[in-house]
PDB file of N, CA and C in Angstrom:
ATOM      1  N   MET A   1     141.438  92.470 103.442  1.00  0.00           N
ATOM      2  CA  MET A   1     141.723  91.071 103.267  1.00  0.00           C
ATOM      3  C   MET A   1     143.227  90.821 103.369  1.00  0.00           C
ATOM      4  N   LYS A   2     144.023  91.682 102.751  1.00  0.00           N
ATOM      5  CA  LYS A   2     145.474  91.520 102.820  1.00  0.00           C
ATOM      6  C   LYS A   2     145.955  91.671 104.253  1.00  0.00           C
ATOM      7  N   GLN A   3     145.331  92.575 104.985  1.00  0.00           N
ATOM      8  CA  GLN A   3     145.704  92.801 106.382  1.00  0.00           C
ATOM      9  C   GLN A   3     145.454  91.533 107.203  1.00  0.00           C
ATOM     10  N   ASP A   4     144.336  90.842 106.935  1.00  0.00           N
ATOM     11  CA  ASP A   4     144.059  89.587 107.630  1.00  0.00           C
ATOM     12  C   ASP A   4     145.103  88.538 107.298  1.00  0.00           C
ATOM     13  N   ALA A   5     145.504  88.452 106.043  1.00  0.00           N
ATOM     14  CA  ALA A   5     146.518  87.480 105.636  1.00  0.00           C
ATOM     15  C   ALA A   5     147.840  87.754 106.341  1.00  0.00           C
ATOM     16  N   GLU A   6     148.218  89.020 106.468  1.00  0.00           N
ATOM     17  CA  GLU A   6     149.455  89.372 107.175  1.00  0.00           C
ATOM     18  C   GLU A   6     149.372  88.988 108.646  1.00  0.00           C
ATOM     19  N   LEU A   7     148.221  89.217 109.232  1.00  0.00           N
ATOM     20  CA  LEU A   7     148.009  88.848 110.626  1.00  0.00           C
ATOM     21  C   LEU A   7     148.213  87.346 110.820  1.00  0.00           C
ATOM     22  N   PHE A   8     147.608  86.545 109.961  1.00  0.00           N
ATOM     23  CA  PHE A   8     147.743  85.093 110.074  1.00  0.00           C
ATOM     24  C   PHE A   8     149.170  84.642 109.807  1.00  0.00           C
ATOM     25  N   LYS A   9     149.842  85.328 108.924  1.00  0.00           N
ATOM     26  CA  LYS A   9     151.240  84.995 108.643  1.00  0.00           C
ATOM     27  C   LYS A   9     152.094  85.212 109.888  1.00  0.00           C
ATOM     28  N   ILE A  10     151.872  86.317 110.569  1.00  0.00           N
ATOM     29  CA  ILE A  10     152.622  86.622 111.785  1.00  0.00           C
ATOM     30  C   ILE A  10     152.351  85.577 112.861  1.00  0.00           C
ATOM     31  N   LEU A  11     151.100  85.156 112.985  1.00  0.00           N
ATOM     32  CA  LEU A  11     150.722  84.209 114.026  1.00  0.00           C
ATOM     33  C   LEU A  11     150.903  82.753 113.613  1.00  0.00           C
ATOM     34  N   SER A  12     151.464  82.519 112.449  1.00  0.00           N
ATOM     35  CA  SER A  12     151.657  81.141 111.986  1.00  0.00           C
ATOM     36  C   SER A  12     152.915  80.493 112.553  1.00  0.00           C
ATOM     37  N   VAL A  13     153.672  81.228 113.333  1.00  0.00           N
ATOM     38  CA  VAL A  13     154.917  80.719 113.912  1.00  0.00           C
ATOM     39  C   VAL A  13     154.653  80.325 115.370  1.00  0.00           C
ATOM     40  N   ASP A  14     154.880  79.044 115.671  1.00  0.00           N
ATOM     41  CA  ASP A  14     154.582  78.512 117.009  1.00  0.00           C
ATOM     42  C   ASP A  14     155.201  79.327 118.128  1.00  0.00           C
ATOM     43  N   LYS A  15     156.450  79.698 117.996  1.00  0.00           N
ATOM     44  CA  LYS A  15     157.142  80.417 119.078  1.00  0.00           C
ATOM     45  C   LYS A  15     156.492  81.770 119.347  1.00  0.00           C
ATOM     46  N   ARG A  16     155.940  82.392 118.324  1.00  0.00           N
ATOM     47  CA  ARG A  16     155.262  83.682 118.540  1.00  0.00           C
ATOM     48  C   ARG A  16     153.992  83.481 119.350  1.00  0.00           C
ATOM     49  N   ILE A  17     153.273  82.407 119.081  1.00  0.00           N
ATOM     50  CA  ILE A  17     152.080  82.087 119.870  1.00  0.00           C
ATOM     51  C   ILE A  17     152.498  81.804 121.318  1.00  0.00           C
ATOM     52  N   GLU A  18     153.587  81.071 121.496  1.00  0.00           N
ATOM     53  CA  GLU A  18     154.078  80.777 122.841  1.00  0.00           C
ATOM     54  C   GLU A  18     154.472  82.063 123.574  1.00  0.00           C
ATOM     55  N   ILE A  19     155.092  82.984 122.872  1.00  0.00           N
ATOM     56  CA  ILE A  19     155.455  84.271 123.478  1.00  0.00           C
ATOM     57  C   ILE A  19     154.194  84.999 123.936  1.00  0.00           C
ATOM     58  N   ILE A  20     153.180  85.024 123.099  1.00  0.00           N
ATOM     59  CA  ILE A  20     151.915  85.676 123.466  1.00  0.00           C
ATOM     60  C   ILE A  20     151.325  85.011 124.700  1.00  0.00           C
ATOM     61  N   GLU A  21     151.340  83.681 124.734  1.00  0.00           N
ATOM     62  CA  GLU A  21     150.808  82.949 125.896  1.00  0.00           C
ATOM     63  C   GLU A  21     151.573  83.315 127.172  1.00  0.00           C
ATOM     64  N   LEU A  22     152.888  83.386 127.090  1.00  0.00           N
ATOM     65  CA  LEU A  22     153.698  83.744 128.261  1.00  0.00           C
ATOM     66  C   LEU A  22     153.429  85.180 128.707  1.00  0.00           C
ATOM     67  N   LEU A  23     153.288  86.080 127.755  1.00  0.00           N
ATOM     68  CA  LEU A  23     153.067  87.485 128.099  1.00  0.00           C
ATOM     69  C   LEU A  23     151.657  87.740 128.615  1.00  0.00           C
ATOM     70  N   LYS A  24     150.748  86.802 128.399  1.00  0.00           N
ATOM     71  CA  LYS A  24     149.415  86.924 128.995  1.00  0.00           C
ATOM     72  C   LYS A  24     149.512  86.890 130.514  1.00  0.00           C
ATOM     73  N   ARG A  25     150.482  86.139 131.016  1.00  0.00           N
ATOM     74  CA  ARG A  25     150.637  85.955 132.461  1.00  0.00           C
ATOM     75  C   ARG A  25     151.299  87.141 133.140  1.00  0.00           C
ATOM     76  N   GLU A  26     152.360  87.673 132.486  1.00  0.00           N
ATOM     77  CA  GLU A  26     153.130  88.750 133.117  1.00  0.00           C
ATOM     78  C   GLU A  26     154.084  89.369 132.105  1.00  0.00           C
ATOM     79  N   PRO A  27     154.496  90.620 132.335  1.00  0.00           N
ATOM     80  CA  PRO A  27     155.533  91.219 131.496  1.00  0.00           C
ATOM     81  C   PRO A  27     156.830  90.429 131.674  1.00  0.00           C
ATOM     82  N   MET A  28     157.577  90.278 130.598  1.00  0.00           N
ATOM     83  CA  MET A  28     158.828  89.524 130.652  1.00  0.00           C
ATOM     84  C   MET A  28     159.881  90.198 129.794  1.00  0.00           C
ATOM     85  N   ASN A  29     161.148  89.934 130.140  1.00  0.00           N
ATOM     86  CA  ASN A  29     162.243  90.430 129.317  1.00  0.00           C
ATOM     87  C   ASN A  29     162.748  89.311 128.405  1.00  0.00           C
ATOM     88  N   VAL A  30     163.648  89.645 127.509  1.00  0.00           N
ATOM     89  CA  VAL A  30     164.146  88.687 126.525  1.00  0.00           C
ATOM     90  C   VAL A  30     164.789  87.478 127.206  1.00  0.00           C
ATOM     91  N   ASN A  31     165.573  87.716 128.263  1.00  0.00           N
ATOM     92  CA  ASN A  31     166.242  86.608 128.953  1.00  0.00           C
ATOM     93  C   ASN A  31     165.234  85.613 129.513  1.00  0.00           C
ATOM     94  N   SER A  32     164.209  86.113 130.168  1.00  0.00           N
ATOM     95  CA  SER A  32     163.191  85.238 130.755  1.00  0.00           C
ATOM     96  C   SER A  32     162.443  84.466 129.678  1.00  0.00           C
ATOM     97  N   LEU A  33     162.100  85.143 128.602  1.00  0.00           N
ATOM     98  CA  LEU A  33     161.400  84.466 127.508  1.00  0.00           C
ATOM     99  C   LEU A  33     162.277  83.381 126.890  1.00  0.00           C
ATOM    100  N   ALA A  34     163.555  83.679 126.687  1.00  0.00           N
ATOM    101  CA  ALA A  34     164.472  82.699 126.103  1.00  0.00           C
ATOM    102  C   ALA A  34     164.573  81.461 126.995  1.00  0.00           C
ATOM    103  N   ASP A  35     164.661  81.670 128.303  1.00  0.00           N
ATOM    104  CA  ASP A  35     164.732  80.540 129.235  1.00  0.00           C
ATOM    105  C   ASP A  35     163.474  79.685 129.171  1.00  0.00           C
ATOM    106  N   LYS A  36     162.322  80.325 129.193  1.00  0.00           N
ATOM    107  CA  LYS A  36     161.049  79.590 129.171  1.00  0.00           C
ATOM    108  C   LYS A  36     160.831  78.855 127.851  1.00  0.00           C
ATOM    109  N   LEU A  37     161.253  79.468 126.748  1.00  0.00           N
ATOM    110  CA  LEU A  37     161.018  78.889 125.419  1.00  0.00           C
ATOM    111  C   LEU A  37     162.096  77.900 124.999  1.00  0.00           C
ATOM    112  N   GLY A  38     163.252  77.974 125.660  1.00  0.00           N
ATOM    113  CA  GLY A  38     164.353  77.100 125.292  1.00  0.00           C
ATOM    114  C   GLY A  38     164.981  77.443 123.954  1.00  0.00           C
ATOM    115  N   ILE A  39     164.992  78.742 123.637  1.00  0.00           N
ATOM    116  CA  ILE A  39     165.626  79.217 122.407  1.00  0.00           C
ATOM    117  C   ILE A  39     166.565  80.364 122.750  1.00  0.00           C
ATOM    118  N   SER A  40     167.367  80.772 121.797  1.00  0.00           N
ATOM    119  CA  SER A  40     168.351  81.829 122.056  1.00  0.00           C
ATOM    120  C   SER A  40     167.684  83.191 122.245  1.00  0.00           C
ATOM    121  N   GLN A  41     168.400  84.069 122.939  1.00  0.00           N
ATOM    122  CA  GLN A  41     167.917  85.441 123.117  1.00  0.00           C
ATOM    123  C   GLN A  41     167.761  86.135 121.770  1.00  0.00           C
ATOM    124  N   SER A  42     168.659  85.826 120.849  1.00  0.00           N
ATOM    125  CA  SER A  42     168.593  86.408 119.513  1.00  0.00           C
ATOM    126  C   SER A  42     167.299  86.007 118.799  1.00  0.00           C
ATOM    127  N   ALA A  43     166.935  84.731 118.913  1.00  0.00           N
ATOM    128  CA  ALA A  43     165.691  84.255 118.275  1.00  0.00           C
ATOM    129  C   ALA A  43     164.478  84.922 118.906  1.00  0.00           C
ATOM    130  N   VAL A  44     164.484  85.047 120.234  1.00  0.00           N
ATOM    131  CA  VAL A  44     163.382  85.722 120.921  1.00  0.00           C
ATOM    132  C   VAL A  44     163.284  87.164 120.439  1.00  0.00           C
ATOM    133  N   SER A  45     164.415  87.848 120.355  1.00  0.00           N
ATOM    134  CA  SER A  45     164.425  89.243 119.903  1.00  0.00           C
ATOM    135  C   SER A  45     163.843  89.389 118.505  1.00  0.00           C
ATOM    136  N   GLN A  46     164.161  88.450 117.625  1.00  0.00           N
ATOM    137  CA  GLN A  46     163.615  88.500 116.264  1.00  0.00           C
ATOM    138  C   GLN A  46     162.091  88.338 116.276  1.00  0.00           C
ATOM    139  N   HIS A  47     161.599  87.386 117.067  1.00  0.00           N
ATOM    140  CA  HIS A  47     160.143  87.191 117.160  1.00  0.00           C
ATOM    141  C   HIS A  47     159.470  88.420 117.773  1.00  0.00           C
ATOM    142  N   LEU A  48     160.090  88.983 118.805  1.00  0.00           N
ATOM    143  CA  LEU A  48     159.521  90.177 119.440  1.00  0.00           C
ATOM    144  C   LEU A  48     159.496  91.359 118.486  1.00  0.00           C
ATOM    145  N   ARG A  49     160.504  91.470 117.648  1.00  0.00           N
ATOM    146  CA  ARG A  49     160.539  92.556 116.667  1.00  0.00           C
ATOM    147  C   ARG A  49     159.339  92.454 115.714  1.00  0.00           C
ATOM    148  N   VAL A  50     159.031  91.244 115.278  1.00  0.00           N
ATOM    149  CA  VAL A  50     157.885  91.033 114.385  1.00  0.00           C
ATOM    150  C   VAL A  50     156.579  91.324 115.124  1.00  0.00           C
ATOM    151  N   LEU A  51     156.453  90.786 116.342  1.00  0.00           N
ATOM    152  CA  LEU A  51     155.228  91.005 117.122  1.00  0.00           C
ATOM    153  C   LEU A  51     155.042  92.482 117.466  1.00  0.00           C
ATOM    154  N   LYS A  52     156.123  93.168 117.774  1.00  0.00           N
ATOM    155  CA  LYS A  52     156.027  94.596 118.081  1.00  0.00           C
ATOM    156  C   LYS A  52     155.652  95.394 116.831  1.00  0.00           C
ATOM    157  N   GLY A  53     156.246  95.037 115.700  1.00  0.00           N
ATOM    158  CA  GLY A  53     155.921  95.723 114.449  1.00  0.00           C
ATOM    159  C   GLY A  53     154.461  95.582 114.062  1.00  0.00           C
ATOM    160  N   ALA A  54     153.862  94.461 114.442  1.00  0.00           N
ATOM    161  CA  ALA A  54     152.447  94.225 114.152  1.00  0.00           C
ATOM    162  C   ALA A  54     151.535  94.777 115.246  1.00  0.00           C
ATOM    163  N   GLY A  55     152.146  95.306 116.303  1.00  0.00           N
ATOM    164  CA  GLY A  55     151.364  95.909 117.374  1.00  0.00           C
ATOM    165  C   GLY A  55     150.904  94.942 118.448  1.00  0.00           C
ATOM    166  N   PHE A  56     151.383  93.708 118.438  1.00  0.00           N
ATOM    167  CA  PHE A  56     150.961  92.733 119.442  1.00  0.00           C
ATOM    168  C   PHE A  56     151.617  92.947 120.793  1.00  0.00           C
ATOM    169  N   VAL A  57     152.833  93.480 120.808  1.00  0.00           N
ATOM    170  CA  VAL A  57     153.526  93.705 122.074  1.00  0.00           C
ATOM    171  C   VAL A  57     154.037  95.135 122.152  1.00  0.00           C
ATOM    172  N   ASP A  58     154.157  95.595 123.379  1.00  0.00           N
ATOM    173  CA  ASP A  58     154.750  96.892 123.687  1.00  0.00           C
ATOM    174  C   ASP A  58     155.969  96.630 124.555  1.00  0.00           C
ATOM    175  N   ASP A  59     156.872  97.577 124.596  1.00  0.00           N
ATOM    176  CA  ASP A  59     158.051  97.404 125.442  1.00  0.00           C
ATOM    177  C   ASP A  59     158.238  98.610 126.344  1.00  0.00           C
ATOM    178  N   GLU A  60     158.909  98.335 127.483  1.00  0.00           N
ATOM    179  CA  GLU A  60     159.175  99.382 128.469  1.00  0.00           C
ATOM    180  C   GLU A  60     160.521  99.091 129.125  1.00  0.00           C
ATOM    181  N   ARG A  61     161.396 100.071 129.108  1.00  0.00           N
ATOM    182  CA  ARG A  61     162.711  99.915 129.727  1.00  0.00           C
ATOM    183  C   ARG A  61     162.574 100.091 131.238  1.00  0.00           C
ATOM    184  N   ARG A  62     163.152  99.110 131.959  1.00  0.00           N
ATOM    185  CA  ARG A  62     163.220  99.175 133.426  1.00  0.00           C
ATOM    186  C   ARG A  62     164.669  98.901 133.810  1.00  0.00           C
ATOM    187  N   GLY A  63     165.389  99.943 134.080  1.00  0.00           N
ATOM    188  CA  GLY A  63     166.809  99.794 134.385  1.00  0.00           C
ATOM    189  C   GLY A  63     167.561  99.303 133.166  1.00  0.00           C
ATOM    190  N   TYR A  64     168.252  98.173 133.313  1.00  0.00           N
ATOM    191  CA  TYR A  64     169.030  97.620 132.211  1.00  0.00           C
ATOM    192  C   TYR A  64     168.203  96.727 131.285  1.00  0.00           C
ATOM    193  N   HIS A  65     167.003  96.399 131.683  1.00  0.00           N
ATOM    194  CA  HIS A  65     166.206  95.442 130.926  1.00  0.00           C
ATOM    195  C   HIS A  65     165.011  96.110 130.259  1.00  0.00           C
ATOM    196  N   VAL A  66     164.591  95.509 129.152  1.00  0.00           N
ATOM    197  CA  VAL A  66     163.379  95.931 128.466  1.00  0.00           C
ATOM    198  C   VAL A  66     162.342  94.839 128.706  1.00  0.00           C
ATOM    199  N   PHE A  67     161.195  95.220 129.241  1.00  0.00           N
ATOM    200  CA  PHE A  67     160.119  94.272 129.506  1.00  0.00           C
ATOM    201  C   PHE A  67     159.043  94.427 128.438  1.00  0.00           C
ATOM    202  N   TYR A  68     158.514  93.294 128.038  1.00  0.00           N
ATOM    203  CA  TYR A  68     157.495  93.253 126.993  1.00  0.00           C
ATOM    204  C   TYR A  68     156.156  92.895 127.604  1.00  0.00           C
ATOM    205  N   THR A  69     155.116  93.567 127.111  1.00  0.00           N
ATOM    206  CA  THR A  69     153.746  93.306 127.537  1.00  0.00           C
ATOM    207  C   THR A  69     152.877  93.155 126.302  1.00  0.00           C
ATOM    208  N   LEU A  70     151.730  92.527 126.482  1.00  0.00           N
ATOM    209  CA  LEU A  70     150.792  92.383 125.372  1.00  0.00           C
ATOM    210  C   LEU A  70     150.027  93.670 125.156  1.00  0.00           C
ATOM    211  N   ASN A  71     149.739  93.965 123.912  1.00  0.00           N
ATOM    212  CA  ASN A  71     148.854  95.064 123.571  1.00  0.00           C
ATOM    213  C   ASN A  71     147.466  94.444 123.427  1.00  0.00           C
ATOM    214  N   GLU A  72     146.662  94.585 124.457  1.00  0.00           N
ATOM    215  CA  GLU A  72     145.357  93.921 124.490  1.00  0.00           C
ATOM    216  C   GLU A  72     144.406  94.429 123.417  1.00  0.00           C
ATOM    217  N   GLU A  73     144.556  95.683 123.012  1.00  0.00           N
ATOM    218  CA  GLU A  73     143.702  96.222 121.943  1.00  0.00           C
ATOM    219  C   GLU A  73     143.959  95.482 120.632  1.00  0.00           C
ATOM    220  N   THR A  74     145.218  95.214 120.332  1.00  0.00           N
ATOM    221  CA  THR A  74     145.552  94.488 119.106  1.00  0.00           C
ATOM    222  C   THR A  74     145.026  93.067 119.168  1.00  0.00           C
ATOM    223  N   LEU A  75     145.143  92.417 120.327  1.00  0.00           N
ATOM    224  CA  LEU A  75     144.604  91.062 120.471  1.00  0.00           C
ATOM    225  C   LEU A  75     143.088  91.047 120.287  1.00  0.00           C
ATOM    226  N   GLU A  76     142.422  92.055 120.803  1.00  0.00           N
ATOM    227  CA  GLU A  76     140.967  92.130 120.640  1.00  0.00           C
ATOM    228  C   GLU A  76     140.602  92.335 119.174  1.00  0.00           C
ATOM    229  N   THR A  77     141.347  93.178 118.482  1.00  0.00           N
ATOM    230  CA  THR A  77     141.115  93.379 117.050  1.00  0.00           C
ATOM    231  C   THR A  77     141.307  92.070 116.295  1.00  0.00           C
ATOM    232  N   CYS A  78     142.328  91.316 116.671  1.00  0.00           N
ATOM    233  CA  CYS A  78     142.594  90.009 116.065  1.00  0.00           C
ATOM    234  C   CYS A  78     141.415  89.070 116.298  1.00  0.00           C
ATOM    235  N   ARG A  79     140.922  89.033 117.522  1.00  0.00           N
ATOM    236  CA  ARG A  79     139.772  88.183 117.840  1.00  0.00           C
ATOM    237  C   ARG A  79     138.550  88.571 117.012  1.00  0.00           C
ATOM    238  N   GLN A  80     138.312  89.866 116.869  1.00  0.00           N
ATOM    239  CA  GLN A  80     137.177  90.333 116.082  1.00  0.00           C
ATOM    240  C   GLN A  80     137.317  89.935 114.614  1.00  0.00           C
ATOM    241  N   ARG A  81     138.529  90.008 114.071  1.00  0.00           N
ATOM    242  CA  ARG A  81     138.758  89.591 112.689  1.00  0.00           C
ATOM    243  C   ARG A  81     138.460  88.111 112.518  1.00  0.00           C
ATOM    244  N   LEU A  82     138.942  87.302 113.467  1.00  0.00           N
ATOM    245  CA  LEU A  82     138.673  85.861 113.395  1.00  0.00           C
ATOM    246  C   LEU A  82     137.174  85.577 113.468  1.00  0.00           C
ATOM    247  N   ASN A  83     136.471  86.279 114.345  1.00  0.00           N
ATOM    248  CA  ASN A  83     135.019  86.102 114.446  1.00  0.00           C
ATOM    249  C   ASN A  83     134.323  86.493 113.148  1.00  0.00           C
ATOM    250  N   ARG A  84     134.804  87.549 112.514  1.00  0.00           N
ATOM    251  CA  ARG A  84     134.212  88.006 111.262  1.00  0.00           C
ATOM    252  C   ARG A  84     134.427  86.975 110.158  1.00  0.00           C
ATOM    253  N   ILE A  85     135.608  86.372 110.143  1.00  0.00           N
ATOM    254  CA  ILE A  85     135.929  85.375 109.122  1.00  0.00           C
ATOM    255  C   ILE A  85     135.177  84.080 109.366  1.00  0.00           C
ATOM    256  N   CYS A  86     135.111  83.658 110.612  1.00  0.00           N
ATOM    257  CA  CYS A  86     134.531  82.356 110.948  1.00  0.00           C
ATOM    258  C   CYS A  86     133.058  82.505 111.305  1.00  0.00           C
ATOM    259  N   THR A  87     132.239  82.738 110.308  1.00  0.00           N
ATOM    260  CA  THR A  87     130.791  82.812 110.501  1.00  0.00           C
ATOM    261  C   THR A  87     130.091  81.763 109.662  1.00  0.00           C
ATOM    262  N   CYS A  88     130.813  80.712 109.323  1.00  0.00           N
ATOM    263  CA  CYS A  88     130.317  79.703 108.399  1.00  0.00           C
ATOM    264  C   CYS A  88     129.524  78.593 109.081  1.00  0.00           C
ATOM    265  N   GLY A  89     129.454  78.600 110.389  1.00  0.00           N
ATOM    266  CA  GLY A  89     128.771  77.516 111.076  1.00  0.00           C
ATOM    267  C   GLY A  89     129.622  76.263 111.140  1.00  0.00           C
ATOM    268  N   CYS A  90     130.934  76.436 111.144  1.00  0.00           N
ATOM    269  CA  CYS A  90     131.834  75.288 111.198  1.00  0.00           C
ATOM    270  C   CYS A  90     131.605  74.510 112.496  1.00  0.00           C
ATOM    271  N   PRO A  91     132.122  73.288 112.585  1.00  0.00           N
ATOM    272  CA  PRO A  91     131.858  72.456 113.758  1.00  0.00           C
ATOM    273  C   PRO A  91     132.146  73.134 115.094  1.00  0.00           C
ATOM    274  N   GLY A  92     133.205  73.917 115.181  1.00  0.00           N
ATOM    275  CA  GLY A  92     133.511  74.602 116.434  1.00  0.00           C
ATOM    276  C   GLY A  92     132.410  75.565 116.836  1.00  0.00           C
ATOM    277  N   THR A  93     131.852  76.279 115.868  1.00  0.00           N
ATOM    278  CA  THR A  93     130.774  77.225 116.141  1.00  0.00           C
ATOM    279  C   THR A  93     129.504  76.477 116.520  1.00  0.00           C
ATOM    280  N   ARG A  94     129.170  75.418 115.779  1.00  0.00           N
ATOM    281  CA  ARG A  94     127.964  74.646 116.078  1.00  0.00           C
ATOM    282  C   ARG A  94     128.053  74.028 117.466  1.00  0.00           C
ATOM    283  N   ARG A  95     129.196  73.495 117.823  1.00  0.00           N
ATOM    284  CA  ARG A  95     129.368  72.872 119.136  1.00  0.00           C
ATOM    285  C   ARG A  95     129.137  73.894 120.238  1.00  0.00           C
ATOM    286  N   LYS A  96     129.647  75.098 120.068  1.00  0.00           N
ATOM    287  CA  LYS A  96     129.461  76.148 121.062  1.00  0.00           C
ATOM    288  C   LYS A  96     127.979  76.474 121.213  1.00  0.00           C
ATOM    289  N   GLU A  97     127.279  76.579 120.074  1.00  0.00           N
ATOM    290  CA  GLU A  97     125.842  76.888 120.124  1.00  0.00           C
ATOM    291  C   GLU A  97     125.063  75.766 120.794  1.00  0.00           C
ATOM    292  N   GLU A  98     125.464  74.509 120.524  1.00  0.00           N
ATOM    293  CA  GLU A  98     124.807  73.372 121.150  1.00  0.00           C
ATOM    294  C   GLU A  98     124.957  73.422 122.670  1.00  0.00           C
ATOM    295  N   LEU A  99     126.170  73.718 123.123  1.00  0.00           N
ATOM    296  CA  LEU A  99     126.417  73.787 124.554  1.00  0.00           C
ATOM    297  C   LEU A  99     125.642  74.935 125.196  1.00  0.00           C
ATOM    298  N   GLN A 100     125.544  76.054 124.504  1.00  0.00           N
ATOM    299  CA  GLN A 100     124.793  77.191 125.037  1.00  0.00           C
ATOM    300  C   GLN A 100     123.309  76.848 125.130  1.00  0.00           C
ATOM    301  N   GLY A 101     122.807  76.110 124.139  1.00  0.00           N
ATOM    302  CA  GLY A 101     121.394  75.704 124.127  1.00  0.00           C
ATOM    303  C   GLY A 101     121.051  74.764 125.276  1.00  0.00           C
ATOM    304  N   LYS A 102     122.044  74.024 125.753  1.00  0.00           N
ATOM    305  CA  LYS A 102     121.850  73.082 126.854  1.00  0.00           C
ATOM    306  C   LYS A 102     122.120  73.725 128.200  1.00  0.00           C
ATOM    307  N   GLY A 103     122.440  75.021 128.186  1.00  0.00           N
ATOM    308  CA  GLY A 103     122.696  75.728 129.423  1.00  0.00           C
ATOM    309  C   GLY A 103     124.031  75.432 130.048  1.00  0.00           C
ATOM    310  N   VAL A 104     124.986  74.956 129.230  1.00  0.00           N
ATOM    311  CA  VAL A 104     126.320  74.647 129.747  1.00  0.00           C
ATOM    312  C   VAL A 104     127.194  75.864 129.668  1.00  0.00           C
TER     313      VAL A 104
END
């Protein structure tokens, strides 16, 4: 339970979610992420440090730059945790079941 709370705490910061969204598309370095996010390289580095510590991103040095990629296993574990927590039949779940029942 504490592990789930830590996970949600890490993902509660908008810029970290934006970083994950950007890294879904392609590996990026700090400079590219800072440009896309409109924040300083220092701020990006701090967010990446947290995401890397939690296992969400991996890094690889290519020449002078370090490129960051998503750790898909960690994202899948996160998805499984959310599915385990959200089994209450909340509106989002019911809507999905309704659409599946209609063959959509």
